[in-house]
Amino acid sequence: MSKNNKPTFLQKTFHHLKTIGEHRSLVRKFCFQCGLYKQGLTHDLSKYSFAELIPSIRYYQGYRSPYTREKELNGYSLGWLHHKGRNKHHWEYWWDKIDGKWQAIKMPQTYVVESICDRIAACKVYQKELYTQASPLNYYLNSNDEQNLHPLTANLFERILRYIQKNGEEDTFKRIKELLHQQKDLYKSF
């Protein structure tokens, strides 16, 4: 679907559900490779809720997240607000007011891994044949997410994404699975 087509609601529904399915399938595959079976199975199930599904279909474009378009038009995205509050693999979930100050909380390592699987899958779904091993790192660096993460979490994100860029996904997921199986702290071991 190109940027200039004006698909019907039914066409956008079909294409969006296909995109969700493709994305979840990739995340599931990657999470399984890391040994995160439950997270692979439950990843992004909230996307099927009416609170997320209806706005995502309405703002579906096919080449980027519908939440981006909804934010451009409205200044916020109700779908995204619902999504990030229910999915622990998003860094936005890990912000809280502590002692009167909003601050980032260190993400549990399994959610960092799921988040990386999520980023890789999103890059592959939207970039298609333009995807490279550097895509997830470039997306991360260009989004300035590291400024909003707990410093230790930001450091782990970047170390894993740079490892992917250098060694590929398969080697990275194998290493993560081994470390998690050995009950190692990825913050110290990766």
Protein backbone atom coordinates (compact mmCIF):
# COMPACT_ATOMS: atom_id res chain seq x y z
CA MET A 1 0.00 0.00 0.00
CA SER A 2 1.57 3.29 -1.05
CA LYS A 3 1.45 6.59 0.81
CA ASN A 4 -0.93 8.07 -1.80
CA ASN A 5 -3.65 5.38 -1.86
CA LYS A 6 -6.87 5.98 0.08
CA PRO A 7 -7.89 2.51 1.25
CA THR A 8 -11.29 1.77 2.75
CA PHE A 9 -11.74 1.05 6.46
CA LEU A 10 -12.07 -2.65 5.65
CA GLN A 11 -8.84 -2.65 3.62
CA LYS A 12 -7.02 -0.80 6.39
CA THR A 13 -8.40 -3.31 8.92
CA PHE A 14 -7.09 -6.23 6.90
CA HIS A 15 -3.67 -4.65 6.33
CA HIS A 16 -3.29 -3.53 9.94
CA LEU A 17 -4.19 -6.98 11.29
CA LYS A 18 -1.69 -8.47 8.84
CA THR A 19 0.98 -6.03 10.08
CA ILE A 20 0.25 -6.89 13.73
CA GLY A 21 0.41 -10.58 12.92
CA GLU A 22 3.70 -10.25 11.06
CA HIS A 23 5.18 -8.13 13.85
CA ARG A 24 4.04 -10.46 16.65
CA SER A 25 5.28 -13.49 14.73
CA LEU A 26 8.77 -11.99 14.44
CA VAL A 27 8.86 -10.92 18.09
CA ARG A 28 7.69 -14.37 19.13
CA LYS A 29 10.43 -15.99 17.04
CA PHE A 30 13.11 -13.70 18.49
CA CYS A 31 11.87 -14.06 22.09
CA PHE A 32 11.83 -17.84 21.71
CA GLN A 33 15.43 -17.70 20.44
CA CYS A 34 16.29 -15.82 23.65
CA GLY A 35 14.39 -18.29 25.83
CA LEU A 36 11.57 -15.86 26.66
CA TYR A 37 8.65 -18.10 25.75
CA LYS A 38 5.86 -16.46 27.78
CA GLN A 39 6.85 -12.99 26.57
CA GLY A 40 6.98 -14.24 23.01
CA LEU A 41 3.44 -15.60 23.27
CA THR A 42 1.92 -12.60 25.05
CA HIS A 43 3.77 -9.79 23.24
CA ASP A 44 1.49 -6.90 22.20
CA LEU A 45 -1.81 -8.68 22.83
CA SER A 46 -3.25 -5.30 23.82
CA LYS A 47 -3.09 -4.29 20.14
CA TYR A 48 -6.26 -6.35 19.68
CA SER A 49 -8.17 -4.31 22.29
CA PHE A 50 -10.67 -1.77 20.95
CA ALA A 51 -8.73 1.04 22.63
CA GLU A 52 -5.74 0.33 20.39
CA LEU A 53 -7.22 -1.45 17.40
CA ILE A 54 -9.74 1.20 16.28
CA PRO A 55 -7.32 4.17 16.30
CA SER A 56 -4.62 2.03 14.69
CA ILE A 57 -6.93 1.07 11.84
CA ARG A 58 -8.10 4.66 11.46
CA TYR A 59 -4.53 6.01 11.23
CA TYR A 60 -3.01 3.03 9.41
CA GLN A 61 -0.58 3.97 6.64
CA GLY A 62 1.45 0.79 6.19
CA TYR A 63 4.92 2.25 6.27
CA ARG A 64 5.10 3.40 9.91
CA SER A 65 3.26 3.08 13.17
CA PRO A 66 -0.31 4.41 13.11
CA TYR A 67 0.43 6.03 16.47
CA THR A 68 2.88 8.37 14.74
CA ARG A 69 0.15 9.67 12.41
CA GLU A 70 -2.36 9.96 15.26
CA LYS A 71 0.18 12.06 17.22
CA GLU A 72 0.81 14.30 14.20
CA LEU A 73 -2.89 15.02 13.76
CA ASN A 74 -4.00 15.22 17.40
CA GLY A 75 -0.86 16.03 19.35
CA TYR A 76 -1.22 12.72 21.21
CA SER A 77 -2.23 9.14 20.54
CA LEU A 78 -4.90 7.48 22.65
CA GLY A 79 -3.87 4.12 21.21
CA TRP A 80 -0.25 4.66 22.25
CA LEU A 81 -1.18 5.88 25.72
CA HIS A 82 -3.17 2.67 26.21
CA HIS A 83 -0.41 0.51 24.71
CA LYS A 84 2.59 1.81 26.64
CA GLY A 85 0.71 1.55 29.92
CA ARG A 86 0.10 -2.18 29.45
CA ASN A 87 3.30 -3.43 27.85
CA LYS A 88 6.37 -3.60 30.06
CA HIS A 89 8.76 -3.87 27.12
CA HIS A 90 8.32 -0.13 26.46
CA TRP A 91 10.63 2.18 28.36
CA GLU A 92 7.73 4.60 28.87
CA TYR A 93 6.16 2.01 31.20
CA TRP A 94 9.19 2.38 33.49
CA TRP A 95 8.72 5.99 34.54
CA ASP A 96 7.35 6.93 37.92
CA LYS A 97 7.19 9.83 40.34
CA ILE A 98 9.58 9.13 43.18
CA ASP A 99 10.07 11.67 45.97
CA GLY A 100 8.11 14.21 43.93
CA LYS A 101 10.28 13.82 40.83
CA TRP A 102 9.53 11.95 37.59
CA GLN A 103 12.34 9.58 36.76
CA ALA A 104 13.26 6.52 34.77
CA ILE A 105 13.39 3.19 36.57
CA LYS A 106 15.87 0.47 35.63
CA MET A 107 14.03 -2.01 33.41
CA PRO A 108 14.12 -5.70 34.32
CA GLN A 109 16.47 -7.43 31.88
CA THR A 110 13.84 -9.69 30.33
CA TYR A 111 11.83 -6.63 29.27
CA VAL A 112 14.95 -5.03 27.82
CA VAL A 113 15.43 -8.17 25.71
CA GLU A 114 11.76 -8.18 24.65
CA SER A 115 12.06 -4.50 23.76
CA ILE A 116 15.06 -5.22 21.55
CA CYS A 117 13.15 -8.06 19.88
CA ASP A 118 10.28 -5.59 19.39
CA ARG A 119 12.56 -2.98 17.79
CA ILE A 120 14.11 -5.49 15.42
CA ALA A 121 10.68 -6.76 14.38
CA ALA A 122 9.31 -3.24 13.88
CA CYS A 123 12.32 -2.28 11.74
CA LYS A 124 11.93 -5.42 9.64
CA VAL A 125 8.18 -4.95 9.18
CA TYR A 126 8.38 -1.29 8.20
CA GLN A 127 11.76 -1.18 6.43
CA LYS A 128 11.30 -4.48 4.60
CA GLU A 129 14.22 -5.04 2.18
CA LEU A 130 16.01 -1.90 3.44
CA TYR A 131 16.57 -3.55 6.83
CA THR A 132 20.19 -4.15 7.90
CA GLN A 133 21.80 -5.36 11.13
CA ALA A 134 22.42 -1.68 11.90
CA SER A 135 18.73 -0.70 11.58
CA PRO A 136 17.69 -1.29 15.23
CA LEU A 137 20.73 0.61 16.54
CA ASN A 138 20.16 3.49 14.12
CA TYR A 139 16.48 3.68 15.07
CA TYR A 140 17.42 3.72 18.77
CA LEU A 141 20.07 6.43 18.34
CA ASN A 142 17.87 8.59 16.09
CA SER A 143 14.90 8.41 18.47
CA ASN A 144 16.98 9.73 21.39
CA ASP A 145 15.38 7.09 23.62
CA GLU A 146 18.58 6.78 25.64
CA GLN A 147 17.85 10.21 27.12
CA ASN A 148 14.64 8.83 28.64
CA LEU A 149 15.94 5.51 29.93
CA HIS A 150 17.54 4.77 33.26
CA PRO A 151 21.30 5.17 32.57
CA LEU A 152 22.00 1.47 33.20
CA THR A 153 19.14 0.45 30.93
CA ALA A 154 20.31 2.83 28.19
CA ASN A 155 23.79 1.35 28.43
CA LEU A 156 22.50 -2.23 28.15
CA PHE A 157 20.26 -1.33 25.19
CA GLU A 158 23.14 0.20 23.30
CA ARG A 159 25.56 -2.64 24.10
CA ILE A 160 23.10 -5.26 22.82
CA LEU A 161 22.18 -3.24 19.72
CA ARG A 162 25.84 -2.69 18.86
CA TYR A 163 26.46 -6.42 19.35
CA ILE A 164 23.63 -7.12 16.88
CA GLN A 165 25.13 -4.67 14.40
CA LYS A 166 28.51 -6.43 14.62
CA ASN A 167 27.53 -10.10 15.12
CA GLY A 168 23.96 -10.42 13.86
CA GLU A 169 20.74 -11.43 15.54
CA GLU A 170 21.33 -15.17 15.71
CA ASP A 171 24.60 -14.88 17.67
CA THR A 172 23.12 -12.19 19.90
CA PHE A 173 20.00 -14.19 20.75
CA LYS A 174 22.11 -17.29 21.40
CA ARG A 175 24.33 -15.33 23.81
CA ILE A 176 21.33 -13.81 25.59
CA LYS A 177 19.67 -17.22 25.96
CA GLU A 178 22.85 -18.73 27.41
CA LEU A 179 23.29 -15.88 29.89
CA LEU A 180 19.63 -16.00 30.98
CA HIS A 181 19.78 -19.80 31.29
CA GLN A 182 22.83 -19.40 33.56
CA GLN A 183 20.80 -16.82 35.53
CA LYS A 184 23.40 -14.15 34.80
CA ASP A 185 22.62 -10.48 35.19
CA LEU A 186 22.70 -9.07 31.64
CA TYR A 187 23.45 -5.64 33.06
CA LYS A 188 26.78 -7.03 34.30
CA SER A 189 27.41 -9.90 31.87
CA PHE A 190 26.51 -8.63 28.42
